[in-house]
Amino acid sequence: MRVKTTRFAEIEVSDDKMLRFPEGLIGFESCTRFALISRGDSLFMWLQSLDDPALAFVVTDPSAFVPGYKPEIDRDSLRTLGVESPSDLKYLSIAVVPADPSRTTINLRAPIAVNHGNRVAVQVVTLNPDNPLKFRVFDRGGARGDSACPDSGEGTSC
């Protein structure tokens, strides 16, 4: 499938790179089709909307930065994803990359759960309040919670 994007111009997207979000993403409910675009060996990828050429997010596998990351997911989301156990899923976190990339954060509270078997994905709000909205990925000197930005829920100032 050929897709026009504002960020990458026109690109070819194979079926195995497409994800279907039955409920859209939080705040972007009308966008239900996305593609994962990776470049080289980077830990970060682009999640490009196939419904809106201007909408794309930087995403990453949170377990690359938080070993053992296992969000709790509600039963309705598991049904939508078509799985019976969270262990059948892979996760992506949306990253915020500021002008100084060393201050990049990822959202551990609302990850994207992906069932790679049927290519269905759902952004879920985890039931664990210890998962921060802004987890600094390049400042891991302290314990897990110590490296999180203050959790104001707003802005990108940390």
Foldseek 3Di string as FASTA:
>chain_A
DWAAAPVPGIDDADPLQKAAECQAAVVGRVQGIWGWADDPPDQWTKTATRVHRHDIFIKGQCCVQVPPQQFAFDPVQCVQQPHDDLVQWTWMWTWDQDPPNQQIWTASQFIWTARSVVRYIYTGGGPDPLGAGTARRNDPPDPRSVRGDPRPVDDSPD
